[in-house]
Structure formats: C-alpha cells, structure tokens
Amino acid sequence: MILINKRIKMFLLLLLLLITNVNAEVTFPQITDGEIPGAKIIKSEFYDGSSLYGYIDGGADVYLEYGFQKLLVQEIDLEGTHFIINIYEMKNPEAAFGIFSISRFKCENNDSLSKFNCVSLFQILAIKSNFYLQILNEKGTTETQAISYNLIKIILGKIKLDDFTIPSFFKNKLFVSYKKDLKFINGILGLQNGFPDWLEKFDSVKNYSLYILPIELPDGYIQLAEINFQTSNELVSFQEQVGCKLKEPEVQCERIIEGKFYFIKMINQNKLFLLVSNLTLKTLQPFLNVANEFK
C-alpha cells in the first residue's frame, strides 16, 4: 500500500510539472493560430540552453553569457512571404537590452513600436522587459517590413511586465542624441561582439559588466562607461591595465596615454566610471562636467 501511495504521489508530481510546462509555453508571448487572417504557422518550437546550439551554432555562447532562459521560434507564411520570429526570454530586462544592444546595426528607431527597437527592411528587433524579439522576412520590401511591424507589435502587446530602464547617468540631456548607441556588455563575448576596441583594456580581468556610450563627433570621439567588477582586486587590475591606478584617498585621475585622454572616477570598491577621448580638453569640458557628477 505504501509503495502504491508513493507511485501515486510521483505520478501526481510529474503531472503537475507537465501541466506547469504546458502553461508556461501557452503563456509565452507568441502568435497563435487564427490570430492573423491568412497567416499559416508552419513551425512553433521551443529551445533551451542545451538545444540552442542546434539552432544558432556558433552564436549561442554569447546568449548564454548574458543569461539566456528560453527561445521560441515561429515560422509563418503570410501574404506570399515567409517570416521567422525569434522570441528570446532572458534572465532579466538588462540581459535582454544587452543582447539587443550588441545586435542592432544600421537601422532606424520607430518610437511608436517600443522604447528600444531597430527597424530595417529585412528585420525588426525590439525588447520589452526580459524578452528580446527578432522578426525576419525573406523579401526586404516596404510591404513585408510593414507586416513584420504588425507581427512584432502584437507580440509586444502580450508582454505585461515592467520595461527596461537605462542607468540614470545616461539619461542626461547631453546624451539624448546618442543614447541609441548605448550598449550593455556582459563578459568577454559581449565585448567581442559589442565593442571589440576595448578588448585590450580588459585583458587582466574576467568578471565584469559595463554600460558604454560611444559618441562620434566631427573632430573625434568620446567613450563613456560605467563599469562593474565582481571583485575589488579586478577593479585594481583594470586600473593598472589602463595606466591610471588610484591610491587612497584619490577618487579620480586624469591621464594622457598614447595621445588619448583618460578620466577615471571611483564610485565604490567594485565600480568605476571611465571616459576615453581623443578630443581637446576644451571640447571635452561639458562631458567632464557631467562625468564629475557621476555617482
């Protein structure tokens, strides 16, 4: 009798897990059958961390580094065009923004779609909360772009979670024209894909994340970053790497290194602000004034 009871309990537990998984897939934001007149869903398949390699072999590692949870791939035929919808669930909104920020390239932003999106003829990217969405079409016409826009808008409307918010420093009015270039980097693969120019600066550290805003001006560039390290030792190693090590009670330093101006400000034992530029100090002054206010 005890054995039978144990089997019944095990069966009920497995049944509960199955129901939970089914409900999770049903509530996952997606296009459903009959939702769009004329649309035929020819594929709707989920991928987890291990099966992701089978779908994007060679590109899965960077998603996993950022905190990949699940992917739903839908393929839809509509009005004579084949559409592929990739819906990535990441561990949090910051991770979703990170993947989005290192994936966008040569695209426009549509303010009526979402806070963060990237629209081009062949694909549309967008994020909302911890979901990163990608819709591709095979023709790249204005007509298929319009259909992609409607598809992604339907999916975005099904995500009721809180949206991602950029760090307060980068909301400064001085950066309004450049905030579309803000990137969130998480680890070496994120750096390789998102801002490889800085790889050498992180040779001596392994565990880090950063928000970086590269600004291109007619006379040169400015690169501003909020960098978080896992340990204080890694922060010190990074300072040594860039040649601007701080000693107590110093909290900031300025250096000219190989013709580039470096400004570092310590925020705490694991966090610092970095500005790198090849501009004159006169041109840089408004940005330095803002950098000095960084907290």
C-alpha atoms as a PDB file:
ATOM      1  CA  MET A   1       0.000   0.000   0.000  1.00  0.00           C
ATOM      2  CA  ILE A   2       2.879   2.364   0.894  1.00  0.00           C
ATOM      3  CA  LEU A   3       4.544   1.611  -2.466  1.00  0.00           C
ATOM      4  CA  ILE A   4       1.310   2.358  -4.340  1.00  0.00           C
ATOM      5  CA  ASN A   5       0.925   5.655  -2.481  1.00  0.00           C
ATOM      6  CA  LYS A   6       4.475   6.612  -3.381  1.00  0.00           C
ATOM      7  CA  ARG A   7       3.781   5.837  -7.038  1.00  0.00           C
ATOM      8  CA  ILE A   8       0.592   7.895  -6.951  1.00  0.00           C
ATOM      9  CA  LYS A   9       2.477  10.830  -5.408  1.00  0.00           C
ATOM     10  CA  MET A  10       5.211  10.536  -8.032  1.00  0.00           C
ATOM     11  CA  PHE A  11       2.628  10.410 -10.828  1.00  0.00           C
ATOM     12  CA  LEU A  12       0.842  13.497  -9.474  1.00  0.00           C
ATOM     13  CA  LEU A  13       4.158  15.356  -9.187  1.00  0.00           C
ATOM     14  CA  LEU A  14       5.095  14.531 -12.784  1.00  0.00           C
ATOM     15  CA  LEU A  15       1.607  15.525 -13.933  1.00  0.00           C
ATOM     16  CA  LEU A  16       1.937  18.863 -12.115  1.00  0.00           C
ATOM     17  CA  LEU A  17       5.320  19.526 -13.737  1.00  0.00           C
ATOM     18  CA  LEU A  18       3.884  18.678 -17.162  1.00  0.00           C
ATOM     19  CA  ILE A  19       0.912  20.997 -16.679  1.00  0.00           C
ATOM     20  CA  THR A  20       3.234  23.763 -15.466  1.00  0.00           C
ATOM     21  CA  ASN A  21       5.451  23.419 -18.555  1.00  0.00           C
ATOM     22  CA  VAL A  22       2.452  23.394 -20.900  1.00  0.00           C
ATOM     23  CA  ASN A  23       1.023  26.512 -19.256  1.00  0.00           C
ATOM     24  CA  ALA A  24       4.425  28.206 -19.470  1.00  0.00           C
ATOM     25  CA  GLU A  25       4.527  27.616 -23.223  1.00  0.00           C
ATOM     26  CA  VAL A  26       0.917  28.715 -23.698  1.00  0.00           C
ATOM     27  CA  THR A  27       1.506  31.997 -21.821  1.00  0.00           C
ATOM     28  CA  PHE A  28       4.822  32.654 -23.587  1.00  0.00           C
ATOM     29  CA  PRO A  29       4.282  35.719 -25.865  1.00  0.00           C
ATOM     30  CA  GLN A  30       3.695  34.431 -29.388  1.00  0.00           C
ATOM     31  CA  ILE A  31       1.476  34.451 -32.454  1.00  0.00           C
ATOM     32  CA  THR A  32      -1.377  31.961 -32.090  1.00  0.00           C
ATOM     33  CA  ASP A  33      -3.437  30.030 -34.663  1.00  0.00           C
ATOM     34  CA  GLY A  34      -6.258  32.068 -36.160  1.00  0.00           C
ATOM     35  CA  GLU A  35      -4.987  35.313 -34.639  1.00  0.00           C
ATOM     36  CA  ILE A  36      -3.973  36.791 -38.012  1.00  0.00           C
ATOM     37  CA  PRO A  37      -6.255  36.204 -41.025  1.00  0.00           C
ATOM     38  CA  GLY A  38      -4.424  34.362 -43.786  1.00  0.00           C
ATOM     39  CA  ALA A  39      -1.401  33.503 -41.650  1.00  0.00           C
ATOM     40  CA  LYS A  40      -0.203  29.895 -41.557  1.00  0.00           C
ATOM     41  CA  ILE A  41       2.051  28.894 -38.660  1.00  0.00           C
ATOM     42  CA  ILE A  42       4.329  26.185 -40.044  1.00  0.00           C
ATOM     43  CA  LYS A  43       6.660  25.939 -37.039  1.00  0.00           C
ATOM     44  CA  SER A  44       6.421  26.746 -33.346  1.00  0.00           C
ATOM     45  CA  GLU A  45       9.297  25.223 -31.395  1.00  0.00           C
ATOM     46  CA  PHE A  46      10.975  25.924 -28.050  1.00  0.00           C
ATOM     47  CA  TYR A  47      14.721  25.728 -27.362  1.00  0.00           C
ATOM     48  CA  ASP A  48      16.506  25.640 -24.011  1.00  0.00           C
ATOM     49  CA  GLY A  49      20.155  26.209 -23.084  1.00  0.00           C
ATOM     50  CA  SER A  50      21.411  22.902 -24.454  1.00  0.00           C
ATOM     51  CA  SER A  51      19.350  22.844 -27.653  1.00  0.00           C
ATOM     52  CA  LEU A  52      20.138  26.486 -28.506  1.00  0.00           C
ATOM     53  CA  TYR A  53      23.406  25.360 -30.105  1.00  0.00           C
ATOM     54  CA  GLY A  54      21.409  23.364 -32.624  1.00  0.00           C
ATOM     55  CA  TYR A  55      19.572  26.489 -33.732  1.00  0.00           C
ATOM     56  CA  ILE A  56      22.303  29.145 -33.706  1.00  0.00           C
ATOM     57  CA  ASP A  57      25.507  27.121 -33.718  1.00  0.00           C
ATOM     58  CA  GLY A  58      28.435  29.465 -33.175  1.00  0.00           C
ATOM     59  CA  GLY A  59      26.279  32.230 -31.706  1.00  0.00           C
ATOM     60  CA  ALA A  60      24.714  30.515 -28.702  1.00  0.00           C
ATOM     61  CA  ASP A  61      27.561  31.205 -26.262  1.00  0.00           C
ATOM     62  CA  VAL A  62      27.022  34.949 -26.143  1.00  0.00           C
ATOM     63  CA  TYR A  63      23.303  34.477 -25.364  1.00  0.00           C
ATOM     64  CA  LEU A  64      24.188  32.072 -22.562  1.00  0.00           C
ATOM     65  CA  GLU A  65      26.775  34.523 -21.210  1.00  0.00           C
ATOM     66  CA  TYR A  66      24.074  37.182 -20.914  1.00  0.00           C
ATOM     67  CA  GLY A  67      21.624  34.837 -19.185  1.00  0.00           C
ATOM     68  CA  PHE A  68      19.523  33.020 -21.780  1.00  0.00           C
ATOM     69  CA  GLN A  69      16.424  31.194 -20.469  1.00  0.00           C
ATOM     70  CA  LYS A  70      14.319  30.026 -23.405  1.00  0.00           C
ATOM     71  CA  LEU A  71      13.735  30.652 -27.121  1.00  0.00           C
ATOM     72  CA  LEU A  72      10.543  30.250 -29.121  1.00  0.00           C
ATOM     73  CA  VAL A  73      10.972  30.062 -32.897  1.00  0.00           C
ATOM     74  CA  GLN A  74       7.897  30.560 -35.055  1.00  0.00           C
ATOM     75  CA  GLU A  75       7.830  30.378 -38.839  1.00  0.00           C
ATOM     76  CA  ILE A  76       4.835  31.933 -40.558  1.00  0.00           C
ATOM     77  CA  ASP A  77       3.672  32.172 -44.165  1.00  0.00           C
ATOM     78  CA  LEU A  78       1.622  35.281 -44.789  1.00  0.00           C
ATOM     79  CA  GLU A  79       0.695  37.096 -47.998  1.00  0.00           C
ATOM     80  CA  GLY A  80       3.211  35.083 -50.029  1.00  0.00           C
ATOM     81  CA  THR A  81       6.145  35.766 -47.693  1.00  0.00           C
ATOM     82  CA  HIS A  82       7.957  33.594 -45.172  1.00  0.00           C
ATOM     83  CA  PHE A  83       8.584  35.183 -41.750  1.00  0.00           C
ATOM     84  CA  ILE A  84      10.796  33.891 -38.937  1.00  0.00           C
ATOM     85  CA  ILE A  85      10.015  35.070 -35.408  1.00  0.00           C
ATOM     86  CA  ASN A  86      12.602  34.544 -32.667  1.00  0.00           C
ATOM     87  CA  ILE A  87      11.421  35.323 -29.123  1.00  0.00           C
ATOM     88  CA  TYR A  88      14.255  35.119 -26.580  1.00  0.00           C
ATOM     89  CA  GLU A  89      13.466  35.044 -22.890  1.00  0.00           C
ATOM     90  CA  MET A  90      16.464  36.347 -20.934  1.00  0.00           C
ATOM     91  CA  LYS A  91      17.094  36.268 -17.175  1.00  0.00           C
ATOM     92  CA  ASN A  92      16.190  39.943 -16.695  1.00  0.00           C
ATOM     93  CA  PRO A  93      15.485  43.162 -18.666  1.00  0.00           C
ATOM     94  CA  GLU A  94      19.159  44.200 -18.507  1.00  0.00           C
ATOM     95  CA  ALA A  95      20.196  40.971 -20.246  1.00  0.00           C
ATOM     96  CA  ALA A  96      17.536  41.465 -22.937  1.00  0.00           C
ATOM     97  CA  PHE A  97      18.768  45.011 -23.538  1.00  0.00           C
ATOM     98  CA  GLY A  98      22.354  43.753 -23.649  1.00  0.00           C
ATOM     99  CA  ILE A  99      21.699  41.236 -26.427  1.00  0.00           C
ATOM    100  CA  PHE A 100      19.661  43.820 -28.304  1.00  0.00           C
ATOM    101  CA  SER A 101      22.362  46.487 -27.935  1.00  0.00           C
ATOM    102  CA  ILE A 102      25.132  44.351 -29.446  1.00  0.00           C
ATOM    103  CA  SER A 103      22.864  43.004 -32.232  1.00  0.00           C
ATOM    104  CA  ARG A 104      21.464  46.207 -33.763  1.00  0.00           C
ATOM    105  CA  PHE A 105      23.257  47.550 -36.815  1.00  0.00           C
ATOM    106  CA  LYS A 106      22.356  50.175 -39.403  1.00  0.00           C
ATOM    107  CA  CYS A 107      18.704  50.553 -38.519  1.00  0.00           C
ATOM    108  CA  GLU A 108      16.110  53.142 -37.599  1.00  0.00           C
ATOM    109  CA  ASN A 109      14.130  53.515 -34.397  1.00  0.00           C
ATOM    110  CA  ASN A 110      10.334  53.637 -34.528  1.00  0.00           C
ATOM    111  CA  ASP A 111       9.015  55.482 -31.479  1.00  0.00           C
ATOM    112  CA  SER A 112       5.513  54.040 -31.898  1.00  0.00           C
ATOM    113  CA  LEU A 113       6.790  50.455 -31.504  1.00  0.00           C
ATOM    114  CA  SER A 114       8.712  50.266 -28.209  1.00  0.00           C
ATOM    115  CA  LYS A 115      11.329  52.188 -26.240  1.00  0.00           C
ATOM    116  CA  PHE A 116      14.115  50.099 -27.744  1.00  0.00           C
ATOM    117  CA  ASN A 117      13.786  48.827 -31.312  1.00  0.00           C
ATOM    118  CA  CYS A 118      15.741  48.558 -34.542  1.00  0.00           C
ATOM    119  CA  VAL A 119      13.838  48.625 -37.837  1.00  0.00           C
ATOM    120  CA  SER A 120      15.256  47.721 -41.249  1.00  0.00           C
ATOM    121  CA  LEU A 121      13.788  46.213 -44.401  1.00  0.00           C
ATOM    122  CA  PHE A 122      14.795  42.616 -43.687  1.00  0.00           C
ATOM    123  CA  GLN A 123      14.399  42.507 -39.910  1.00  0.00           C
ATOM    124  CA  ILE A 124      12.952  44.222 -36.864  1.00  0.00           C
ATOM    125  CA  LEU A 125      14.468  43.913 -33.386  1.00  0.00           C
ATOM    126  CA  ALA A 126      12.831  45.033 -30.156  1.00  0.00           C
ATOM    127  CA  ILE A 127      12.879  44.402 -26.432  1.00  0.00           C
ATOM    128  CA  LYS A 128      10.324  44.617 -23.693  1.00  0.00           C
ATOM    129  CA  SER A 129      11.092  43.613 -20.144  1.00  0.00           C
ATOM    130  CA  ASN A 130      13.186  40.405 -20.270  1.00  0.00           C
ATOM    131  CA  PHE A 131      12.174  39.479 -23.849  1.00  0.00           C
ATOM    132  CA  TYR A 132      14.292  40.141 -26.933  1.00  0.00           C
ATOM    133  CA  LEU A 133      12.351  39.833 -30.196  1.00  0.00           C
ATOM    134  CA  GLN A 134      13.604  39.387 -33.744  1.00  0.00           C
ATOM    135  CA  ILE A 135      11.438  39.153 -36.868  1.00  0.00           C
ATOM    136  CA  LEU A 136      12.992  38.407 -40.252  1.00  0.00           C
ATOM    137  CA  ASN A 137      11.397  38.391 -43.688  1.00  0.00           C
ATOM    138  CA  GLU A 138      12.820  36.991 -46.893  1.00  0.00           C
ATOM    139  CA  LYS A 139      11.946  39.827 -49.300  1.00  0.00           C
ATOM    140  CA  GLY A 140      13.016  43.034 -47.590  1.00  0.00           C
ATOM    141  CA  THR A 141      10.331  45.229 -49.143  1.00  0.00           C
ATOM    142  CA  THR A 142       8.380  48.047 -47.521  1.00  0.00           C
ATOM    143  CA  GLU A 143       5.309  45.783 -47.650  1.00  0.00           C
ATOM    144  CA  THR A 144       6.965  42.898 -45.798  1.00  0.00           C
ATOM    145  CA  GLN A 145       8.503  45.363 -43.362  1.00  0.00           C
ATOM    146  CA  ALA A 146       5.003  46.640 -42.563  1.00  0.00           C
ATOM    147  CA  ILE A 147       3.821  43.074 -41.909  1.00  0.00           C
ATOM    148  CA  SER A 148       6.828  42.432 -39.653  1.00  0.00           C
ATOM    149  CA  TYR A 149       5.991  45.615 -37.787  1.00  0.00           C
ATOM    150  CA  ASN A 150       2.428  44.409 -37.137  1.00  0.00           C
ATOM    151  CA  LEU A 151       3.633  40.971 -36.038  1.00  0.00           C
ATOM    152  CA  ILE A 152       6.111  42.322 -33.522  1.00  0.00           C
ATOM    153  CA  LYS A 153       3.599  44.866 -32.233  1.00  0.00           C
ATOM    154  CA  ILE A 154       1.125  42.041 -31.486  1.00  0.00           C
ATOM    155  CA  ILE A 155       3.774  40.122 -29.537  1.00  0.00           C
ATOM    156  CA  LEU A 156       4.946  43.198 -27.619  1.00  0.00           C
ATOM    157  CA  GLY A 157       1.333  43.834 -26.603  1.00  0.00           C
ATOM    158  CA  LYS A 158       1.240  40.448 -24.868  1.00  0.00           C
ATOM    159  CA  ILE A 159       4.182  41.265 -22.572  1.00  0.00           C
ATOM    160  CA  LYS A 160       2.781  42.923 -19.462  1.00  0.00           C
ATOM    161  CA  LEU A 161       5.983  43.055 -17.400  1.00  0.00           C
ATOM    162  CA  ASP A 162       7.935  46.158 -16.430  1.00  0.00           C
ATOM    163  CA  ASP A 163      10.123  47.605 -19.174  1.00  0.00           C
ATOM    164  CA  PHE A 164      13.881  48.122 -19.098  1.00  0.00           C
ATOM    165  CA  THR A 165      15.251  51.467 -17.868  1.00  0.00           C
ATOM    166  CA  ILE A 166      18.733  52.734 -18.711  1.00  0.00           C
ATOM    167  CA  PRO A 167      21.024  53.900 -15.852  1.00  0.00           C
ATOM    168  CA  SER A 168      20.273  57.439 -14.706  1.00  0.00           C
ATOM    169  CA  PHE A 169      23.650  58.846 -15.769  1.00  0.00           C
ATOM    170  CA  PHE A 170      22.975  58.137 -19.436  1.00  0.00           C
ATOM    171  CA  LYS A 171      19.632  59.946 -19.271  1.00  0.00           C
ATOM    172  CA  ASN A 172      21.446  63.283 -19.085  1.00  0.00           C
ATOM    173  CA  LYS A 173      20.206  65.720 -21.750  1.00  0.00           C
ATOM    174  CA  LEU A 174      23.760  65.947 -23.098  1.00  0.00           C
ATOM    175  CA  PHE A 175      23.407  62.356 -24.361  1.00  0.00           C
ATOM    176  CA  VAL A 176      19.900  62.492 -25.838  1.00  0.00           C
ATOM    177  CA  SER A 177      21.157  62.447 -29.439  1.00  0.00           C
ATOM    178  CA  TYR A 178      23.442  59.467 -28.783  1.00  0.00           C
ATOM    179  CA  LYS A 179      21.517  57.181 -26.415  1.00  0.00           C
ATOM    180  CA  LYS A 180      20.530  54.863 -29.301  1.00  0.00           C
ATOM    181  CA  ASP A 181      24.201  53.803 -29.331  1.00  0.00           C
ATOM    182  CA  LEU A 182      24.263  52.785 -25.657  1.00  0.00           C
ATOM    183  CA  LYS A 183      25.420  49.188 -25.131  1.00  0.00           C
ATOM    184  CA  PHE A 184      25.349  46.832 -22.184  1.00  0.00           C
ATOM    185  CA  ILE A 185      28.330  44.466 -22.222  1.00  0.00           C
ATOM    186  CA  ASN A 186      28.423  41.336 -20.073  1.00  0.00           C
ATOM    187  CA  GLY A 187      31.721  39.470 -20.210  1.00  0.00           C
ATOM    188  CA  ILE A 188      34.293  38.868 -22.924  1.00  0.00           C
ATOM    189  CA  LEU A 189      31.915  37.532 -25.588  1.00  0.00           C
ATOM    190  CA  GLY A 190      29.706  40.559 -25.152  1.00  0.00           C
ATOM    191  CA  LEU A 191      32.782  42.776 -25.519  1.00  0.00           C
ATOM    192  CA  GLN A 192      33.977  40.900 -28.609  1.00  0.00           C
ATOM    193  CA  ASN A 193      30.580  41.339 -30.253  1.00  0.00           C
ATOM    194  CA  GLY A 194      29.641  44.751 -28.903  1.00  0.00           C
ATOM    195  CA  PHE A 195      32.803  46.831 -28.539  1.00  0.00           C
ATOM    196  CA  PRO A 196      35.975  44.947 -29.570  1.00  0.00           C
ATOM    197  CA  ASP A 197      38.059  48.163 -29.488  1.00  0.00           C
ATOM    198  CA  TRP A 198      38.224  47.789 -25.701  1.00  0.00           C
ATOM    199  CA  LEU A 199      39.307  44.149 -25.533  1.00  0.00           C
ATOM    200  CA  GLU A 200      42.883  45.018 -24.554  1.00  0.00           C
ATOM    201  CA  LYS A 201      41.670  47.121 -21.633  1.00  0.00           C
ATOM    202  CA  PHE A 202      40.105  44.022 -20.061  1.00  0.00           C
ATOM    203  CA  ASP A 203      42.981  41.582 -20.611  1.00  0.00           C
ATOM    204  CA  SER A 204      43.677  41.384 -16.878  1.00  0.00           C
ATOM    205  CA  VAL A 205      40.094  40.830 -15.660  1.00  0.00           C
ATOM    206  CA  LYS A 206      37.463  38.166 -16.264  1.00  0.00           C
ATOM    207  CA  ASN A 207      34.285  39.083 -14.400  1.00  0.00           C
ATOM    208  CA  TYR A 208      32.776  42.412 -15.391  1.00  0.00           C
ATOM    209  CA  SER A 209      29.837  44.164 -16.969  1.00  0.00           C
ATOM    210  CA  LEU A 210      29.567  47.674 -18.335  1.00  0.00           C
ATOM    211  CA  TYR A 211      27.347  50.219 -19.964  1.00  0.00           C
ATOM    212  CA  ILE A 212      29.241  52.025 -22.695  1.00  0.00           C
ATOM    213  CA  LEU A 213      28.161  55.008 -24.762  1.00  0.00           C
ATOM    214  CA  PRO A 214      30.390  55.709 -27.774  1.00  0.00           C
ATOM    215  CA  ILE A 215      29.927  59.216 -29.173  1.00  0.00           C
ATOM    216  CA  GLU A 216      31.231  60.189 -32.594  1.00  0.00           C
ATOM    217  CA  LEU A 217      31.800  63.904 -33.209  1.00  0.00           C
ATOM    218  CA  PRO A 218      33.202  65.717 -36.291  1.00  0.00           C
ATOM    219  CA  ASP A 219      36.602  66.194 -34.614  1.00  0.00           C
ATOM    220  CA  GLY A 220      36.906  62.864 -32.832  1.00  0.00           C
ATOM    221  CA  TYR A 221      35.230  60.565 -30.330  1.00  0.00           C
ATOM    222  CA  ILE A 222      34.248  60.194 -26.692  1.00  0.00           C
ATOM    223  CA  GLN A 223      33.677  56.852 -24.987  1.00  0.00           C
ATOM    224  CA  LEU A 224      31.915  56.859 -21.623  1.00  0.00           C
ATOM    225  CA  ALA A 225      31.403  53.773 -19.488  1.00  0.00           C
ATOM    226  CA  GLU A 226      30.001  52.644 -16.166  1.00  0.00           C
ATOM    227  CA  ILE A 227      31.977  49.509 -15.283  1.00  0.00           C
ATOM    228  CA  ASN A 228      31.132  46.941 -12.593  1.00  0.00           C
ATOM    229  CA  PHE A 229      33.645  44.350 -11.426  1.00  0.00           C
ATOM    230  CA  GLN A 230      32.952  41.233  -9.410  1.00  0.00           C
ATOM    231  CA  THR A 231      35.822  41.917  -7.001  1.00  0.00           C
ATOM    232  CA  SER A 232      37.826  44.938  -5.865  1.00  0.00           C
ATOM    233  CA  ASN A 233      41.041  43.175  -6.983  1.00  0.00           C
ATOM    234  CA  GLU A 234      39.741  43.051 -10.539  1.00  0.00           C
ATOM    235  CA  LEU A 235      38.940  46.750 -10.384  1.00  0.00           C
ATOM    236  CA  VAL A 236      42.530  47.479  -9.306  1.00  0.00           C
ATOM    237  CA  SER A 237      43.889  45.244 -12.087  1.00  0.00           C
ATOM    238  CA  PHE A 238      41.814  47.161 -14.623  1.00  0.00           C
ATOM    239  CA  GLN A 239      43.199  50.495 -13.370  1.00  0.00           C
ATOM    240  CA  GLU A 240      46.719  49.173 -13.778  1.00  0.00           C
ATOM    241  CA  GLN A 241      45.886  47.904 -17.262  1.00  0.00           C
ATOM    242  CA  VAL A 242      44.769  51.346 -18.445  1.00  0.00           C
ATOM    243  CA  GLY A 243      47.619  53.119 -16.636  1.00  0.00           C
ATOM    244  CA  CYS A 244      45.506  55.176 -14.256  1.00  0.00           C
ATOM    245  CA  LYS A 245      45.752  53.476 -10.861  1.00  0.00           C
ATOM    246  CA  LEU A 246      44.230  55.319  -7.924  1.00  0.00           C
ATOM    247  CA  LYS A 247      45.751  55.422  -4.464  1.00  0.00           C
ATOM    248  CA  GLU A 248      43.772  56.373  -1.383  1.00  0.00           C
ATOM    249  CA  PRO A 249      42.500  58.975  -0.733  1.00  0.00           C
ATOM    250  CA  GLU A 250      42.321  59.608  -4.505  1.00  0.00           C
ATOM    251  CA  VAL A 251      38.925  59.000  -6.087  1.00  0.00           C
ATOM    252  CA  GLN A 252      39.698  60.086  -9.650  1.00  0.00           C
ATOM    253  CA  CYS A 253      42.564  60.607 -12.064  1.00  0.00           C
ATOM    254  CA  GLU A 254      43.263  62.168 -15.446  1.00  0.00           C
ATOM    255  CA  ARG A 255      45.986  60.964 -17.811  1.00  0.00           C
ATOM    256  CA  ILE A 256      47.131  61.409 -21.387  1.00  0.00           C
ATOM    257  CA  ILE A 257      48.070  57.924 -22.604  1.00  0.00           C
ATOM    258  CA  GLU A 258      49.266  57.400 -26.186  1.00  0.00           C
ATOM    259  CA  GLY A 259      47.564  60.598 -27.284  1.00  0.00           C
ATOM    260  CA  LYS A 260      44.242  59.726 -25.631  1.00  0.00           C
ATOM    261  CA  PHE A 261      42.710  61.452 -22.642  1.00  0.00           C
ATOM    262  CA  TYR A 262      41.645  59.136 -19.798  1.00  0.00           C
ATOM    263  CA  PHE A 263      39.412  60.146 -16.914  1.00  0.00           C
ATOM    264  CA  ILE A 264      38.641  57.594 -14.189  1.00  0.00           C
ATOM    265  CA  LYS A 265      36.391  58.125 -11.185  1.00  0.00           C
ATOM    266  CA  MET A 266      35.973  55.572  -8.405  1.00  0.00           C
ATOM    267  CA  ILE A 267      32.348  55.042  -7.362  1.00  0.00           C
ATOM    268  CA  ASN A 268      32.942  52.219  -4.877  1.00  0.00           C
ATOM    269  CA  GLN A 269      35.262  49.209  -4.443  1.00  0.00           C
ATOM    270  CA  ASN A 270      33.661  47.390  -7.383  1.00  0.00           C
ATOM    271  CA  LYS A 271      32.507  50.168  -9.664  1.00  0.00           C
ATOM    272  CA  LEU A 272      34.108  52.999 -11.609  1.00  0.00           C
ATOM    273  CA  PHE A 273      33.398  55.495 -14.355  1.00  0.00           C
ATOM    274  CA  LEU A 274      35.708  55.768 -17.372  1.00  0.00           C
ATOM    275  CA  LEU A 275      35.936  58.376 -20.108  1.00  0.00           C
ATOM    276  CA  VAL A 276      38.308  57.965 -23.064  1.00  0.00           C
ATOM    277  CA  SER A 277      38.643  60.528 -25.840  1.00  0.00           C
ATOM    278  CA  ASN A 278      40.956  61.953 -28.496  1.00  0.00           C
ATOM    279  CA  LEU A 279      39.347  65.413 -28.341  1.00  0.00           C
ATOM    280  CA  THR A 280      40.788  68.583 -26.866  1.00  0.00           C
ATOM    281  CA  LEU A 281      40.052  69.396 -23.237  1.00  0.00           C
ATOM    282  CA  LYS A 282      38.089  72.459 -24.338  1.00  0.00           C
ATOM    283  CA  THR A 283      35.717  70.294 -26.417  1.00  0.00           C
ATOM    284  CA  LEU A 284      35.561  67.691 -23.645  1.00  0.00           C
ATOM    285  CA  GLN A 285      34.748  70.094 -20.837  1.00  0.00           C
ATOM    286  CA  PRO A 286      30.906  69.769 -20.936  1.00  0.00           C
ATOM    287  CA  PHE A 287      31.262  65.968 -20.808  1.00  0.00           C
ATOM    288  CA  LEU A 288      33.806  66.159 -17.975  1.00  0.00           C
ATOM    289  CA  ASN A 289      31.455  68.384 -16.016  1.00  0.00           C
ATOM    290  CA  VAL A 290      28.769  65.688 -16.276  1.00  0.00           C
ATOM    291  CA  ALA A 291      31.295  62.923 -15.540  1.00  0.00           C
ATOM    292  CA  ASN A 292      32.302  64.648 -12.305  1.00  0.00           C
ATOM    293  CA  GLU A 293      28.686  64.362 -11.182  1.00  0.00           C
ATOM    294  CA  PHE A 294      28.615  60.593 -11.761  1.00  0.00           C
ATOM    295  CA  LYS A 295      27.558  58.719  -8.607  1.00  0.00           C
END
